[in-house]
Amino acid sequence: MSSSARTGNRLPLVAIVGRPNVGKSTLFNRLAGRRKAIVSDRPGLTRDRNFERAEWRGREFMVVDTGGYEPEALDELRSAIREQTTLAIEEADAIILLVDVRDGLMAGDREIMDLLRRTDKPLFVAVNKCDKTREHQEAMAFWEIGAQALHAISALKGHGVGDLMDAVLDRLAPPAAEPEEEEGERPPRIAIVGRWNVGKSTLVNAILGEKRVIVGPTPGITRDAIDSRVVVNGKPYVIVDTAGIRRRGKIERGAEKLSVLRSVISMEQADAAVLLIDASEGLTIQDAHVAGQALEAGCATILAVNKWDLVKKDNSTAGAWAKALRAELGFLSYAPIVFISALVGQRVQRIFQLVDRILVEHRKRIETAEFNRWLAKTTASHTPPVKQGKTLRIKYGTQTGVAPPTFALFVNDPSAMHFSYQRYLINQLRETYGFEGTPIRLRLRKKS
């Protein structure tokens, strides 16, 4: 998918690339606002691409950390890292090439720059580790690389990062029109996701009414995300069959890593995800892992228990399954549950009824006056608890986005918000306004 298509649907993606050990993970952590990526002086520590939502000047985007790019990599691991970085470059809407002032301009920097020039995407060269005045002066030598703009920064201390991100945001496409305005122009994207061998490709074929994708008992047949257009009850949809996802410690090198990363991207780009669970095997840790990725992606979600025809049932079986899913996947308590058999076509059409319903909730907007009336009533019924001696005072709030519904709360001190109170507010929002099938984001803003 082109970067323009991505921007029109999901958050823009900013990729950080460069040689090993130039500080990519340190910059990623600063932009993400937390230490999500492991950092070390040892080159090549980052193996997989690392996604995170970030925000700058009130604008949200995705930032991706990549492994160190080595153009002439020979061994299997370095070759896989190079492939992943290339994929990140292909998917990105803007690219930050990070170089190290202490190393000086290296041949590897030049080779990466030559690759990036061919992408015709907004490109920013950031000279990292400029902690002293002398290093700021030495950074000027990197003009030789052919950059249109050069930013001397210290990812560790934050120097110059603000100016860099101002420049990046100025070059990104403006925020997309509200999904309500696009509804007649762009069919909803539905990603079929899950761990290996739960029947994703079988479900896609059942939806399409033909064997469009290869299926079989061997796990891992699907390697890439495959898009297929379909019309159901007169409405167009795009169905995305994705590769099976396993826990990071279980992911093999090479092609499987690329497949998993494409699946994560597919969820980021999707309007809704249908998370398949194998009824014949029961809920697994891997299922919970995929569910967590769907939550982070921000797409609307349906839990589909597949292979229901293989289960011995009585009048309480479905209820027991639903209760177990709610207990084990409490963070997806908002997701509707459907019991299907992709192989025999049982309740497959029900998926589209649920998709239509939850996408309305995914795009729901609450007027600011109504939201603040609700906020005043809700906080009066249950006042915020004191956290480490700090008392939270919520001044007012407003909805800042949809798909997923996102609300900004203007408060005296964001650090005074206890996670349990944030959960209370989200639960009360659901109780009052529904929001079935969609995650809800709360963003805290300091208001003096």
Protein backbone atom coordinates (compact mmCIF):
# COMPACT_ATOMS: atom_id res chain seq x y z
CA MET A 1 0.00 0.00 0.00
CA SER A 2 1.29 3.42 -0.84
CA SER A 3 2.03 5.96 1.85
CA SER A 4 -0.78 8.17 0.61
CA ALA A 5 -3.26 5.36 1.03
CA ARG A 6 -2.01 4.72 4.53
CA THR A 7 -2.29 8.38 5.52
CA GLY A 8 -5.84 8.50 4.22
CA ASN A 9 -6.82 5.66 6.55
CA ARG A 10 -4.55 5.42 9.57
CA LEU A 11 -1.93 7.47 11.35
CA PRO A 12 1.12 8.54 9.28
CA LEU A 13 4.24 6.47 9.86
CA VAL A 14 7.70 7.95 10.59
CA ALA A 15 10.60 5.49 10.25
CA ILE A 16 13.97 5.93 11.98
CA VAL A 17 16.74 4.26 10.00
CA GLY A 18 20.52 4.21 10.07
CA ARG A 19 23.63 2.15 10.68
CA PRO A 20 23.89 0.02 13.85
CA ASN A 21 24.48 1.83 17.15
CA VAL A 22 23.83 5.42 16.02
CA GLY A 23 21.08 5.93 18.63
CA LYS A 24 17.89 4.95 16.77
CA SER A 25 16.28 3.26 19.78
CA THR A 26 17.16 6.21 22.03
CA LEU A 27 15.40 8.60 19.64
CA PHE A 28 12.47 6.19 19.34
CA ASN A 29 12.08 6.07 23.13
CA ARG A 30 12.15 9.86 23.36
CA LEU A 31 9.45 10.24 20.71
CA ALA A 32 7.35 7.40 22.15
CA GLY A 33 7.60 8.91 25.63
CA ARG A 34 8.73 5.73 27.33
CA ARG A 35 11.49 3.14 27.29
CA LYS A 36 9.82 0.62 25.01
CA ALA A 37 12.89 -0.29 22.92
CA ILE A 38 15.94 -1.81 24.62
CA VAL A 39 19.05 0.33 24.24
CA SER A 40 22.68 -0.67 24.60
CA ASP A 41 26.14 0.29 23.41
CA ARG A 42 26.30 -3.06 21.67
CA PRO A 43 25.65 -2.67 17.91
CA GLY A 44 22.73 -4.47 16.36
CA LEU A 45 20.66 -4.93 19.53
CA THR A 46 17.37 -3.97 17.84
CA ARG A 47 16.24 -6.97 15.80
CA ASP A 48 12.58 -6.33 14.99
CA ARG A 49 10.89 -3.13 13.96
CA ASN A 50 9.26 -1.54 16.98
CA PHE A 51 6.03 0.40 16.56
CA GLU A 52 4.60 3.01 18.92
CA ARG A 53 2.09 5.83 18.78
CA ALA A 54 3.65 9.21 19.37
CA GLU A 55 2.39 12.76 19.57
CA TRP A 56 3.92 16.10 18.69
CA ARG A 57 2.19 19.50 18.72
CA GLY A 58 -1.10 17.73 19.33
CA ARG A 59 -0.68 15.57 16.21
CA GLU A 60 -0.53 11.79 16.47
CA PHE A 61 1.62 9.57 14.29
CA MET A 62 3.27 6.15 14.36
CA VAL A 63 7.02 5.95 14.87
CA VAL A 64 8.96 2.81 13.99
CA ASP A 65 12.41 1.86 15.26
CA THR A 66 14.46 -0.37 12.96
CA GLY A 67 17.48 -2.58 13.28
CA GLY A 68 20.81 -1.26 12.07
CA TYR A 69 20.91 -1.31 8.27
CA GLU A 70 23.98 -2.93 6.73
CA PRO A 71 23.84 -2.85 2.90
CA GLU A 72 26.35 -5.66 2.44
CA ALA A 73 25.01 -7.94 5.19
CA LEU A 74 25.92 -11.56 4.54
CA ASP A 75 24.75 -13.67 7.48
CA GLU A 76 21.09 -14.63 7.93
CA LEU A 77 20.32 -12.38 10.91
CA ARG A 78 21.80 -9.19 9.43
CA SER A 79 20.11 -9.95 6.12
CA ALA A 80 16.74 -10.26 7.90
CA ILE A 81 17.31 -6.93 9.66
CA ARG A 82 18.08 -5.32 6.29
CA GLU A 83 14.85 -6.73 4.83
CA GLN A 84 12.81 -5.43 7.76
CA THR A 85 14.34 -1.98 7.46
CA THR A 86 13.60 -1.95 3.74
CA LEU A 87 9.98 -2.83 4.51
CA ALA A 88 9.79 0.00 7.06
CA ILE A 89 11.09 2.42 4.41
CA GLU A 90 8.46 1.21 1.92
CA GLU A 91 5.63 1.70 4.43
CA ALA A 92 6.82 5.03 5.85
CA ASP A 93 5.35 8.45 5.10
CA ALA A 94 8.53 10.21 6.31
CA ILE A 95 12.02 8.94 7.09
CA ILE A 96 14.63 10.12 9.60
CA LEU A 97 18.16 9.03 8.69
CA LEU A 98 20.15 9.04 11.92
CA VAL A 99 23.95 9.37 11.80
CA ASP A 100 26.56 9.58 14.55
CA VAL A 101 28.66 12.75 14.86
CA ARG A 102 31.34 10.85 16.81
CA ASP A 103 31.84 8.32 14.01
CA GLY A 104 31.91 10.96 11.32
CA LEU A 105 30.47 10.39 7.86
CA MET A 106 30.79 6.69 7.09
CA ALA A 107 30.51 4.76 3.82
CA GLY A 108 27.44 3.01 5.27
CA ASP A 109 25.73 6.38 5.79
CA ARG A 110 26.29 7.27 2.14
CA GLU A 111 24.92 3.92 0.93
CA ILE A 112 21.76 4.27 3.03
CA MET A 113 21.31 7.84 1.80
CA ASP A 114 21.56 6.62 -1.81
CA LEU A 115 18.79 4.11 -1.07
CA LEU A 116 16.56 6.69 0.60
CA ARG A 117 16.88 9.24 -2.20
CA ARG A 118 15.14 6.78 -4.52
CA THR A 119 12.03 6.64 -2.31
CA ASP A 120 10.92 10.20 -3.11
CA LYS A 121 9.59 10.54 0.45
CA PRO A 122 10.23 13.36 2.94
CA LEU A 123 13.73 12.67 4.25
CA PHE A 124 15.43 14.24 7.28
CA VAL A 125 19.07 13.75 8.24
CA ALA A 126 19.62 13.96 12.01
CA VAL A 127 23.20 14.06 13.33
CA ASN A 128 22.98 12.42 16.74
CA LYS A 129 25.08 12.66 19.93
CA CYS A 130 25.65 16.40 19.55
CA ASP A 131 25.88 17.02 23.29
CA LYS A 132 28.52 19.77 23.17
CA THR A 133 29.14 22.93 21.13
CA ARG A 134 32.14 21.32 19.44
CA GLU A 135 29.97 18.40 18.26
CA HIS A 136 27.38 20.81 16.85
CA GLN A 137 30.16 22.32 14.76
CA GLU A 138 31.40 18.91 13.65
CA ALA A 139 27.87 18.02 12.53
CA MET A 140 28.20 20.53 9.69
CA ALA A 141 30.51 18.10 7.91
CA PHE A 142 27.47 15.91 7.20
CA TRP A 143 26.17 18.41 4.62
CA GLU A 144 28.43 16.44 2.29
CA ILE A 145 25.91 13.57 2.35
CA GLY A 146 23.58 15.62 0.17
CA ALA A 147 20.85 16.42 2.70
CA GLN A 148 18.36 19.16 1.94
CA ALA A 149 18.19 19.90 5.67
CA LEU A 150 20.42 18.89 8.55
CA HIS A 151 19.47 18.67 12.22
CA ALA A 152 22.06 18.41 14.98
CA ILE A 153 20.42 16.59 17.89
CA SER A 154 21.03 14.70 21.08
CA ALA A 155 18.46 11.93 21.31
CA LEU A 156 19.65 11.18 24.85
CA LYS A 157 19.26 14.72 26.19
CA GLY A 158 16.57 15.95 23.81
CA HIS A 159 18.58 18.80 22.29
CA GLY A 160 17.33 19.69 18.82
CA VAL A 161 14.68 16.95 18.76
CA GLY A 162 11.87 19.52 18.90
CA ASP A 163 13.11 21.35 15.81
CA LEU A 164 13.54 18.03 14.00
CA MET A 165 9.96 16.93 14.74
CA ASP A 166 8.57 20.36 13.81
CA ALA A 167 10.17 19.90 10.39
CA VAL A 168 8.86 16.33 10.06
CA LEU A 169 5.28 17.32 10.88
CA ASP A 170 5.40 20.23 8.46
CA ARG A 171 6.14 17.76 5.63
CA LEU A 172 3.56 15.10 6.56
CA ALA A 173 0.22 15.15 4.78
CA PRO A 174 -2.50 17.00 6.73
CA PRO A 175 -4.78 14.88 8.93
CA ALA A 176 -7.26 12.85 6.89
CA ALA A 177 -10.89 13.87 6.63
CA GLU A 178 -13.20 12.35 9.20
CA PRO A 179 -14.11 8.75 8.33
CA GLU A 180 -17.80 9.75 8.12
CA GLU A 181 -16.95 11.93 5.13
CA GLU A 182 -15.03 9.12 3.42
CA GLU A 183 -17.54 6.35 4.03
CA GLY A 184 -19.02 6.39 0.53
CA GLU A 185 -15.60 6.59 -1.11
CA ARG A 186 -13.50 3.97 0.66
CA PRO A 187 -14.73 0.47 1.54
CA PRO A 188 -13.99 -0.58 5.13
CA ARG A 189 -10.82 -2.66 5.51
CA ILE A 190 -11.34 -5.81 7.56
CA ALA A 191 -8.19 -7.64 8.68
CA ILE A 192 -8.57 -11.35 9.47
CA VAL A 193 -5.98 -11.94 12.19
CA GLY A 194 -4.94 -14.67 14.59
CA ARG A 195 -2.24 -17.14 15.42
CA TRP A 196 -1.11 -19.88 13.08
CA ASN A 197 -3.56 -22.39 11.64
CA VAL A 198 -6.79 -21.03 13.14
CA GLY A 199 -8.51 -20.88 9.74
CA LYS A 200 -7.89 -17.32 8.53
CA SER A 201 -7.47 -18.22 4.87
CA THR A 202 -10.41 -20.64 5.05
CA LEU A 203 -12.58 -17.81 6.36
CA VAL A 204 -11.43 -15.48 3.58
CA ASN A 205 -12.30 -18.12 0.98
CA ALA A 206 -15.71 -18.64 2.61
CA ILE A 207 -16.37 -14.89 2.42
CA LEU A 208 -15.23 -14.63 -1.19
CA GLY A 209 -17.00 -17.81 -2.28
CA GLU A 210 -13.88 -19.11 -4.01
CA LYS A 211 -10.42 -20.47 -3.23
CA ARG A 212 -8.66 -17.13 -3.65
CA VAL A 213 -5.94 -17.96 -1.09
CA ILE A 214 -4.12 -21.24 -0.45
CA VAL A 215 -5.23 -23.19 2.62
CA GLY A 216 -3.85 -26.32 4.26
CA PRO A 217 -3.09 -27.96 7.61
CA THR A 218 0.52 -26.78 7.61
CA PRO A 219 0.92 -23.64 9.76
CA GLY A 220 2.37 -20.56 8.13
CA ILE A 221 1.19 -21.02 4.53
CA THR A 222 0.13 -17.36 4.31
CA ARG A 223 3.26 -15.20 4.32
CA ASP A 224 1.98 -11.82 3.10
CA ALA A 225 -1.16 -9.82 3.81
CA ILE A 226 -3.49 -10.39 0.85
CA ASP A 227 -6.20 -7.85 -0.05
CA SER A 228 -9.46 -8.98 -1.64
CA ARG A 229 -12.50 -6.87 -2.51
CA VAL A 230 -15.95 -8.29 -1.86
CA VAL A 231 -19.54 -7.02 -1.90
CA VAL A 232 -21.88 -8.32 0.82
CA ASN A 233 -25.55 -7.33 0.83
CA GLY A 234 -24.75 -4.57 -1.66
CA LYS A 235 -21.92 -3.09 0.46
CA PRO A 236 -18.24 -3.19 -0.59
CA TYR A 237 -15.49 -4.31 1.79
CA VAL A 238 -11.77 -5.06 1.54
CA ILE A 239 -10.83 -8.32 3.25
CA VAL A 240 -7.19 -8.71 4.31
CA ASP A 241 -5.87 -12.21 4.96
CA THR A 242 -2.81 -11.97 7.19
CA ALA A 243 0.01 -14.25 8.24
CA GLY A 244 -0.28 -16.05 11.56
CA ILE A 245 1.22 -14.20 14.53
CA ARG A 246 3.26 -15.84 17.27
CA ARG A 247 4.86 -14.47 20.40
CA ARG A 248 8.10 -12.63 19.71
CA GLY A 249 10.22 -15.33 21.38
CA LYS A 250 8.66 -17.91 19.04
CA ILE A 251 9.17 -15.98 15.82
CA GLU A 252 11.74 -17.48 13.48
CA ARG A 253 14.23 -15.48 11.52
CA GLY A 254 13.78 -14.31 7.96
CA ALA A 255 10.51 -14.63 6.10
CA GLU A 256 8.34 -15.30 9.16
CA LYS A 257 9.46 -12.08 10.83
CA LEU A 258 8.49 -10.14 7.73
CA SER A 259 5.10 -11.88 7.67
CA VAL A 260 4.37 -10.98 11.29
CA LEU A 261 5.37 -7.38 10.71
CA ARG A 262 3.09 -7.16 7.68
CA SER A 263 0.24 -8.48 9.84
CA VAL A 264 0.86 -5.78 12.43
CA ILE A 265 0.85 -3.15 9.67
CA SER A 266 -2.41 -4.62 8.34
CA MET A 267 -4.07 -4.09 11.72
CA GLU A 268 -2.77 -0.53 11.84
CA GLN A 269 -4.32 0.11 8.43
CA ALA A 270 -7.58 -1.73 9.11
CA ASP A 271 -10.89 -0.27 10.19
CA ALA A 272 -11.84 -3.53 11.89
CA ALA A 273 -10.07 -6.74 12.85
CA VAL A 274 -11.70 -10.14 13.10
CA LEU A 275 -9.62 -12.06 15.65
CA LEU A 276 -9.99 -15.80 15.01
CA ILE A 277 -9.72 -18.26 17.89
CA ASP A 278 -9.60 -22.03 17.37
CA ALA A 279 -12.51 -23.60 19.30
CA SER A 280 -10.97 -27.07 18.93
CA GLU A 281 -7.84 -26.00 20.84
CA GLY A 282 -9.19 -23.36 23.21
CA LEU A 283 -7.79 -19.93 24.06
CA THR A 284 -3.99 -19.74 24.14
CA ILE A 285 -1.34 -17.25 25.21
CA GLN A 286 -0.70 -16.53 21.54
CA ASP A 287 -4.36 -15.56 21.09
CA ALA A 288 -4.01 -13.06 23.92
CA HIS A 289 -0.85 -11.69 22.30
CA VAL A 290 -2.64 -11.06 19.01
CA ALA A 291 -5.58 -9.50 20.89
CA GLY A 292 -3.18 -7.08 22.56
CA GLN A 293 -1.77 -6.07 19.19
CA ALA A 294 -5.29 -5.38 17.90
CA LEU A 295 -5.93 -3.18 20.95
CA GLU A 296 -2.72 -1.21 20.36
CA ALA A 297 -3.55 -0.82 16.67
CA GLY A 298 -6.76 1.00 17.61
CA CYS A 299 -9.02 -0.84 15.17
CA ALA A 300 -12.52 -2.01 15.97
CA THR A 301 -12.45 -5.71 16.90
CA ILE A 302 -14.65 -8.80 16.73
CA LEU A 303 -13.79 -12.06 18.50
CA ALA A 304 -14.69 -14.94 16.18
CA VAL A 305 -14.50 -18.44 17.66
CA ASN A 306 -13.82 -20.64 14.64
CA LYS A 307 -14.21 -24.41 14.04
CA TRP A 308 -17.38 -24.34 16.14
CA ASP A 309 -18.62 -27.37 14.19
CA LEU A 310 -15.91 -29.48 15.86
CA VAL A 311 -17.05 -28.70 19.40
CA LYS A 312 -19.44 -30.96 21.33
CA LYS A 313 -22.13 -28.57 22.50
CA ASP A 314 -25.09 -28.23 24.80
CA ASN A 315 -27.21 -25.21 25.73
CA SER A 316 -24.48 -23.77 27.97
CA THR A 317 -21.40 -24.25 25.77
CA ALA A 318 -21.49 -20.86 24.02
CA GLY A 319 -22.18 -19.06 27.29
CA ALA A 320 -19.25 -20.80 28.99
CA TRP A 321 -16.95 -19.87 26.10
CA ALA A 322 -18.06 -16.24 26.18
CA LYS A 323 -17.51 -16.09 29.96
CA ALA A 324 -14.00 -17.54 29.58
CA LEU A 325 -13.12 -15.09 26.82
CA ARG A 326 -14.29 -12.14 28.92
CA ALA A 327 -12.23 -13.40 31.84
CA GLU A 328 -9.03 -14.01 29.87
CA LEU A 329 -9.29 -11.08 27.44
CA GLY A 330 -10.71 -8.47 29.80
CA PHE A 331 -8.98 -5.67 27.90
CA LEU A 332 -11.19 -6.56 24.90
CA SER A 333 -14.42 -6.68 26.92
CA TYR A 334 -15.94 -4.29 24.38
CA ALA A 335 -15.50 -6.73 21.45
CA PRO A 336 -18.60 -8.68 20.35
CA ILE A 337 -18.26 -12.47 20.14
CA VAL A 338 -19.49 -14.68 17.30
CA PHE A 339 -19.21 -18.48 16.98
CA ILE A 340 -18.49 -19.59 13.41
CA SER A 341 -17.28 -22.38 11.20
CA ALA A 342 -15.38 -21.01 8.23
CA LEU A 343 -15.18 -24.49 6.71
CA VAL A 344 -18.96 -25.02 6.48
CA GLY A 345 -19.90 -21.32 6.30
CA GLN A 346 -21.72 -21.23 9.64
CA ARG A 347 -22.55 -17.62 10.72
CA VAL A 348 -19.94 -16.13 8.35
CA GLN A 349 -22.46 -13.53 7.18
CA ARG A 350 -23.00 -12.52 10.83
CA ILE A 351 -19.48 -11.09 10.81
CA PHE A 352 -20.51 -8.34 8.38
CA GLN A 353 -23.56 -7.42 10.45
CA LEU A 354 -21.24 -6.95 13.42
CA VAL A 355 -18.66 -5.04 11.36
CA ASP A 356 -21.29 -2.55 10.20
CA ARG A 357 -22.49 -2.11 13.77
CA ILE A 358 -19.11 -1.60 15.43
CA LEU A 359 -17.80 0.74 12.73
CA VAL A 360 -20.65 3.13 13.57
CA GLU A 361 -19.38 3.07 17.17
CA HIS A 362 -15.77 3.35 15.99
CA ARG A 363 -16.66 6.64 14.25
CA LYS A 364 -19.05 7.99 16.89
CA ARG A 365 -18.60 11.60 17.99
CA ILE A 366 -19.90 13.31 21.14
CA GLU A 367 -20.45 17.07 21.11
CA THR A 368 -18.17 18.99 23.49
CA ALA A 369 -21.02 20.45 25.57
CA GLU A 370 -22.62 17.03 25.99
CA PHE A 371 -19.27 15.46 26.87
CA ASN A 372 -18.54 18.04 29.57
CA ARG A 373 -21.99 17.57 31.09
CA TRP A 374 -21.26 13.86 31.27
CA LEU A 375 -17.77 14.53 32.65
CA ALA A 376 -19.05 16.78 35.44
CA LYS A 377 -21.68 14.26 36.46
CA THR A 378 -19.27 11.31 36.32
CA THR A 379 -16.49 12.97 38.33
CA ALA A 380 -19.01 14.22 40.91
CA SER A 381 -20.31 10.67 41.41
CA HIS A 382 -16.81 9.32 41.97
CA THR A 383 -14.05 11.84 42.66
CA PRO A 384 -10.47 11.05 41.52
CA PRO A 385 -8.35 9.28 44.16
CA VAL A 386 -5.20 10.90 45.53
CA LYS A 387 -2.09 9.51 43.86
CA GLN A 388 1.23 9.90 45.69
CA GLY A 389 -0.09 12.96 47.48
CA LYS A 390 -1.36 14.57 44.27
CA THR A 391 -5.02 15.42 43.71
CA LEU A 392 -6.27 15.28 40.13
CA ARG A 393 -8.53 18.09 39.00
CA ILE A 394 -10.17 17.71 35.59
CA LYS A 395 -10.98 21.14 34.15
CA TYR A 396 -12.83 20.09 31.00
CA GLY A 397 -12.57 17.76 28.04
CA THR A 398 -13.34 17.36 24.35
CA GLN A 399 -13.33 14.63 21.74
CA THR A 400 -10.34 15.10 19.47
CA GLY A 401 -10.76 12.20 17.08
CA VAL A 402 -12.60 9.12 15.93
CA ALA A 403 -11.57 5.65 14.71
CA PRO A 404 -10.83 5.07 17.53
CA PRO A 405 -12.78 7.59 19.64
CA THR A 406 -10.18 9.80 21.33
CA PHE A 407 -10.82 12.28 24.12
CA ALA A 408 -8.54 14.98 25.56
CA LEU A 409 -8.89 15.79 29.25
CA PHE A 410 -7.39 19.08 30.44
CA VAL A 411 -6.12 18.56 33.98
CA ASN A 412 -3.95 20.25 36.58
CA ASP A 413 -1.38 17.45 36.65
CA PRO A 414 -1.44 14.45 34.25
CA SER A 415 0.77 12.43 36.60
CA ALA A 416 -1.99 12.53 39.23
CA MET A 417 -4.28 10.34 37.09
CA HIS A 418 -4.44 6.83 38.57
CA PHE A 419 -4.87 4.05 36.02
CA SER A 420 -7.92 2.75 37.89
CA TYR A 421 -9.65 6.12 37.54
CA GLN A 422 -8.86 6.25 33.83
CA ARG A 423 -10.42 2.78 33.53
CA TYR A 424 -13.46 4.04 35.48
CA LEU A 425 -13.94 6.94 33.07
CA ILE A 426 -13.70 4.65 30.04
CA ASN A 427 -16.18 2.19 31.56
CA GLN A 428 -18.61 5.02 32.29
CA LEU A 429 -18.24 6.31 28.73
CA ARG A 430 -19.21 2.87 27.45
CA GLU A 431 -22.13 2.60 29.86
CA THR A 432 -23.51 5.96 28.72
CA TYR A 433 -22.66 6.05 25.01
CA GLY A 434 -22.02 2.44 23.96
CA PHE A 435 -18.83 2.36 21.89
CA GLU A 436 -19.27 -1.36 21.27
CA GLY A 437 -16.38 -3.03 19.53
CA THR A 438 -13.97 -0.10 19.65
CA PRO A 439 -11.12 0.92 21.95
CA ILE A 440 -11.33 4.36 23.57
CA ARG A 441 -8.29 6.61 23.99
CA LEU A 442 -7.95 9.18 26.77
CA ARG A 443 -5.22 11.82 26.36
CA LEU A 444 -4.27 14.02 29.28
CA ARG A 445 -3.31 17.66 28.72
CA LYS A 446 -1.89 19.91 31.39
CA LYS A 447 -3.99 23.04 31.92
CA SER A 448 -2.57 25.58 34.35
